[in-house]
């Protein structure tokens, strides 16, 4: 029997100690939960991924046709990327992740979606800083300047609660103009947020994109017996 708690990996990174841990939740009938911490911050849990899946679903509502090329900023536990691969219309998925150990977890198959992503030829991992790429030549390691049908981002907690202060410029008008330049006509940019969409950032988005909206994603929190909400911003070129 697996232990009730196990630290699966501990790595020093430029952003601080990165920890992958697994626990069995006896209060939830012993289900296994994977958690990722960066320093003292909990980044993600396999217990809560409804909004990460919705990030792909909501973005793809705006697309038509086939052979979609998609970029995902932030690999995490792989739920957004796995949701994207559920769509046959996706022909290429580039997942950009700044923390090398996170990519390694998936390649080793020690996180829930590892085999799903590594076993799909459409999926490519790109070990790089998403925000630096947005300022430079874009999100495809083989084709600088490539445009995508959708760019999905799930890295910072919110547009103003950042994992690293260097990300701040991305959420400005100039930063969003840059990400728009890597979208095909009719392409979609979608952003996960820990909080419900805020009017201030929606106004910034609307100054750059042809159409914008905010969605609230509600899901069960079995630890507290309540509902929890996250936000999704979606903007179309």
Protein backbone atom coordinates (compact mmCIF):
# COMPACT_ATOMS: atom_id res chain seq x y z
CA UNK A 1 0.00 0.00 0.00
CA UNK A 2 1.26 3.48 -0.84
CA UNK A 3 2.05 5.75 2.13
CA UNK A 4 -0.45 8.37 3.24
CA UNK A 5 2.01 11.10 2.25
CA UNK A 6 4.97 11.02 -0.09
CA UNK A 7 7.28 13.69 -1.46
CA UNK A 8 7.85 12.61 -5.05
CA UNK A 9 10.35 15.30 -6.02
CA UNK A 10 12.16 18.30 -4.58
CA UNK A 11 14.18 20.59 -6.84
CA UNK A 12 15.87 23.94 -6.42
CA UNK A 13 14.84 26.30 -9.24
CA UNK A 14 15.51 29.99 -10.03
CA UNK A 15 12.01 30.70 -8.69
CA UNK A 16 12.58 28.82 -5.43
CA UNK A 17 12.17 25.23 -4.13
CA UNK A 18 9.76 23.21 -6.28
CA UNK A 19 8.00 20.29 -4.60
CA UNK A 20 5.77 17.54 -5.97
CA UNK A 21 3.91 15.59 -3.32
CA UNK A 22 1.19 12.97 -3.20
CA UNK A 23 -1.19 12.25 -0.35
CA UNK A 24 -4.08 9.90 0.29
CA UNK A 25 -7.08 11.83 1.57
CA UNK A 26 -8.77 9.62 4.13
CA UNK A 27 -11.58 12.15 4.47
CA UNK A 28 -12.31 11.63 0.76
CA UNK A 29 -12.38 7.83 0.70
CA UNK A 30 -8.63 7.56 0.34
CA UNK A 31 -8.30 9.16 -3.10
CA UNK A 32 -4.80 10.15 -4.21
CA UNK A 33 -4.14 13.86 -4.56
CA UNK A 34 -1.08 15.36 -6.25
CA UNK A 35 0.07 18.80 -5.12
CA UNK A 36 2.71 21.20 -6.40
CA UNK A 37 4.35 23.82 -4.20
CA UNK A 38 6.77 26.59 -5.12
CA UNK A 39 8.42 27.70 -1.92
CA UNK A 40 5.56 28.17 0.53
CA UNK A 41 2.95 28.72 -2.19
CA UNK A 42 0.60 25.95 -3.26
CA UNK A 43 0.47 26.22 -7.04
CA UNK A 44 -1.94 23.45 -7.93
CA UNK A 45 -3.71 20.31 -6.82
CA UNK A 46 -5.18 17.41 -8.74
CA UNK A 47 -8.25 17.82 -6.54
CA UNK A 48 -9.17 21.07 -8.32
CA UNK A 49 -8.83 21.24 -12.08
CA UNK A 50 -12.28 22.16 -13.43
CA UNK A 51 -11.16 25.67 -14.41
CA UNK A 52 -7.94 24.39 -16.02
CA UNK A 53 -10.04 22.11 -18.24
CA UNK A 54 -12.54 24.90 -18.90
CA UNK A 55 -9.69 27.11 -20.12
CA UNK A 56 -9.36 24.93 -23.23
CA UNK A 57 -13.09 24.26 -23.63
CA UNK A 58 -14.07 27.94 -23.50
CA UNK A 59 -11.32 29.03 -25.89
CA UNK A 60 -12.22 26.35 -28.41
CA UNK A 61 -15.88 27.43 -28.42
CA UNK A 62 -14.67 30.43 -30.41
CA UNK A 63 -12.88 28.41 -33.12
CA UNK A 64 -14.12 26.70 -36.24
CA UNK A 65 -12.57 24.50 -38.92
CA UNK A 66 -9.81 21.99 -38.28
CA UNK A 67 -6.04 21.67 -37.89
CA UNK A 68 -5.87 24.01 -34.92
CA UNK A 69 -2.41 24.94 -33.70
CA UNK A 70 -2.47 25.68 -29.99
CA UNK A 71 0.07 27.04 -27.50
CA UNK A 72 -0.32 26.51 -23.75
CA UNK A 73 1.67 28.63 -21.32
CA UNK A 74 2.23 26.64 -18.13
CA UNK A 75 2.25 22.85 -17.94
CA UNK A 76 1.48 22.32 -14.25
CA UNK A 77 -0.23 18.97 -13.73
CA UNK A 78 -1.19 18.90 -17.40
CA UNK A 79 -4.97 19.34 -17.17
CA UNK A 80 -5.28 22.19 -19.70
CA UNK A 81 -3.04 20.41 -22.22
CA UNK A 82 -4.90 17.12 -21.73
CA UNK A 83 -8.23 18.88 -22.25
CA UNK A 84 -6.93 20.42 -25.49
CA UNK A 85 -5.87 17.02 -26.80
CA UNK A 86 -9.43 15.77 -26.40
CA UNK A 87 -10.27 17.79 -29.53
CA UNK A 88 -9.58 16.03 -32.81
CA UNK A 89 -9.36 19.46 -34.46
CA UNK A 90 -6.08 20.11 -32.64
CA UNK A 91 -3.21 19.19 -34.94
CA UNK A 92 -0.31 20.62 -32.90
CA UNK A 93 -0.01 21.53 -29.23
CA UNK A 94 3.07 23.37 -27.91
CA UNK A 95 3.27 23.48 -24.11
CA UNK A 96 5.68 26.09 -22.75
CA UNK A 97 7.02 25.49 -19.24
CA UNK A 98 9.79 27.45 -17.51
CA UNK A 99 10.50 24.84 -14.83
CA UNK A 100 12.35 21.85 -16.26
CA UNK A 101 11.40 19.45 -13.43
CA UNK A 102 7.70 19.88 -14.30
CA UNK A 103 8.35 18.61 -17.82
CA UNK A 104 10.43 15.78 -16.37
CA UNK A 105 7.54 14.69 -14.12
CA UNK A 106 5.37 14.18 -17.18
CA UNK A 107 8.06 12.35 -19.11
CA UNK A 108 8.60 10.05 -16.14
CA UNK A 109 4.87 9.46 -15.83
CA UNK A 110 4.69 10.35 -12.13
CA UNK A 111 1.85 12.88 -12.50
CA UNK A 112 -1.75 12.15 -13.57
CA UNK A 113 -1.58 13.35 -17.19
CA UNK A 114 2.00 12.39 -17.98
CA UNK A 115 1.27 9.40 -20.18
CA UNK A 116 -1.61 11.19 -21.92
CA UNK A 117 0.64 14.05 -23.02
CA UNK A 118 3.84 12.16 -23.79
CA UNK A 119 1.92 9.47 -25.67
CA UNK A 120 0.31 11.92 -28.10
CA UNK A 121 2.46 12.89 -31.09
CA UNK A 122 0.60 16.20 -31.42
CA UNK A 123 2.04 17.43 -28.11
CA UNK A 124 5.46 19.10 -27.84
CA UNK A 125 7.07 20.40 -24.64
CA UNK A 126 9.07 23.63 -24.87
CA UNK A 127 11.32 24.36 -21.87
CA UNK A 128 11.28 28.17 -21.91
CA UNK A 129 9.89 31.29 -20.24
CA UNK A 130 6.49 32.02 -21.82
CA UNK A 131 6.73 35.72 -20.98
CA UNK A 132 10.20 36.08 -22.50
CA UNK A 133 9.01 34.30 -25.66
CA UNK A 134 6.09 36.71 -25.90
CA UNK A 135 8.58 39.59 -26.02
CA UNK A 136 10.73 37.82 -28.60
CA UNK A 137 10.05 35.38 -31.44
CA UNK A 138 6.98 33.55 -30.17
CA UNK A 139 5.99 30.18 -28.85
CA UNK A 140 7.14 27.59 -31.38
CA UNK A 141 10.66 26.18 -30.82
CA UNK A 142 11.04 25.27 -34.49
CA UNK A 143 9.32 28.15 -36.28
CA UNK A 144 9.94 31.67 -34.92
CA UNK A 145 6.97 33.95 -35.40
CA UNK A 146 4.48 31.10 -35.91
CA UNK A 147 0.87 32.13 -35.39
CA UNK A 148 -1.57 30.00 -33.45
CA UNK A 149 -5.31 29.45 -33.46
CA UNK A 150 -5.37 29.63 -29.66
CA UNK A 151 -2.97 30.68 -26.91
CA UNK A 152 -3.95 29.49 -23.43
CA UNK A 153 -2.18 30.84 -20.34
CA UNK A 154 -2.21 29.44 -16.80
CA UNK A 155 0.87 30.59 -14.88
CA UNK A 156 0.24 33.55 -12.57
CA UNK A 157 -2.42 33.54 -9.85
CA UNK A 158 -4.16 36.57 -11.39
CA UNK A 159 -3.15 39.41 -13.76
CA UNK A 160 -1.97 41.39 -10.72
CA UNK A 161 -0.87 38.57 -8.37
CA UNK A 162 2.22 37.29 -10.13
CA UNK A 163 4.62 34.44 -9.49
CA UNK A 164 7.42 36.74 -10.63
CA UNK A 165 7.32 40.52 -10.95
CA UNK A 166 9.03 40.26 -14.35
CA UNK A 167 5.71 38.97 -15.75
CA UNK A 168 3.94 42.26 -15.10
CA UNK A 169 4.53 43.86 -18.49
CA UNK A 170 2.72 41.04 -20.25
CA UNK A 171 -0.63 42.17 -18.83
CA UNK A 172 -0.27 45.70 -20.21
CA UNK A 173 -1.62 46.93 -23.53
CA UNK A 174 1.82 46.54 -25.13
CA UNK A 175 2.24 43.01 -23.77
CA UNK A 176 -1.18 41.93 -24.99
CA UNK A 177 -0.51 43.43 -28.40
CA UNK A 178 2.52 41.19 -28.58
CA UNK A 179 0.56 38.04 -27.76
CA UNK A 180 -2.12 39.06 -30.27
CA UNK A 181 0.57 39.25 -32.94
CA UNK A 182 1.10 35.49 -32.51
CA UNK A 183 -2.57 34.70 -33.17
CA UNK A 184 -4.06 33.91 -36.56
CA UNK A 185 -7.02 36.05 -37.70
CA UNK A 186 -9.97 34.87 -35.60
CA UNK A 187 -7.57 33.35 -33.06
CA UNK A 188 -8.28 33.26 -29.32
CA UNK A 189 -6.29 34.18 -26.23
CA UNK A 190 -7.62 32.71 -22.97
CA UNK A 191 -6.27 33.24 -19.45
CA UNK A 192 -6.93 31.38 -16.20
CA UNK A 193 -7.22 33.37 -12.97
CA UNK A 194 -7.60 32.21 -9.40
CA UNK A 195 -10.13 35.03 -8.89
CA UNK A 196 -13.26 36.00 -10.78
CA UNK A 197 -12.63 38.26 -13.80
CA UNK A 198 -11.99 41.89 -12.91
CA UNK A 199 -13.38 44.83 -14.86
CA UNK A 200 -10.06 46.68 -14.92
CA UNK A 201 -8.28 43.90 -16.79
CA UNK A 202 -11.26 43.28 -19.06
CA UNK A 203 -10.98 46.93 -20.11
CA UNK A 204 -7.31 46.46 -20.95
CA UNK A 205 -8.15 43.36 -23.00
CA UNK A 206 -10.96 45.13 -24.82
CA UNK A 207 -8.55 47.83 -25.92
CA UNK A 208 -6.49 45.20 -27.75
CA UNK A 209 -8.89 42.48 -28.93
CA UNK A 210 -12.02 42.62 -31.06
CA UNK A 211 -14.14 40.82 -28.44
CA UNK A 212 -13.56 39.97 -24.80
CA UNK A 213 -15.46 38.36 -21.96
CA UNK A 214 -14.98 36.99 -18.48
CA UNK A 215 -16.38 33.70 -17.22
CA UNK A 216 -16.73 32.43 -13.65
CA UNK A 217 -16.08 28.70 -13.20
CA UNK A 218 -17.71 27.18 -10.12
CA UNK A 219 -16.77 23.76 -8.75
CA UNK A 220 -17.09 21.72 -5.59
CA UNK A 221 -14.54 22.02 -2.79
CA UNK A 222 -14.88 18.64 -1.03
CA UNK A 223 -12.41 19.63 1.69
CA UNK A 224 -14.66 22.46 2.88
CA UNK A 225 -18.02 21.19 1.63
CA UNK A 226 -18.52 24.45 -0.30
CA UNK A 227 -18.30 25.83 -3.82
CA UNK A 228 -15.13 27.48 -5.10
CA UNK A 229 -14.77 29.80 -8.09
CA UNK A 230 -12.00 30.64 -10.54
CA UNK A 231 -12.08 32.99 -13.51
CA UNK A 232 -11.42 32.72 -17.23
CA UNK A 233 -10.68 35.68 -19.50
CA UNK A 234 -11.21 35.02 -23.20
CA UNK A 235 -10.39 37.40 -26.03
CA UNK A 236 -10.67 36.92 -29.79
CA UNK A 237 -8.65 38.61 -32.50
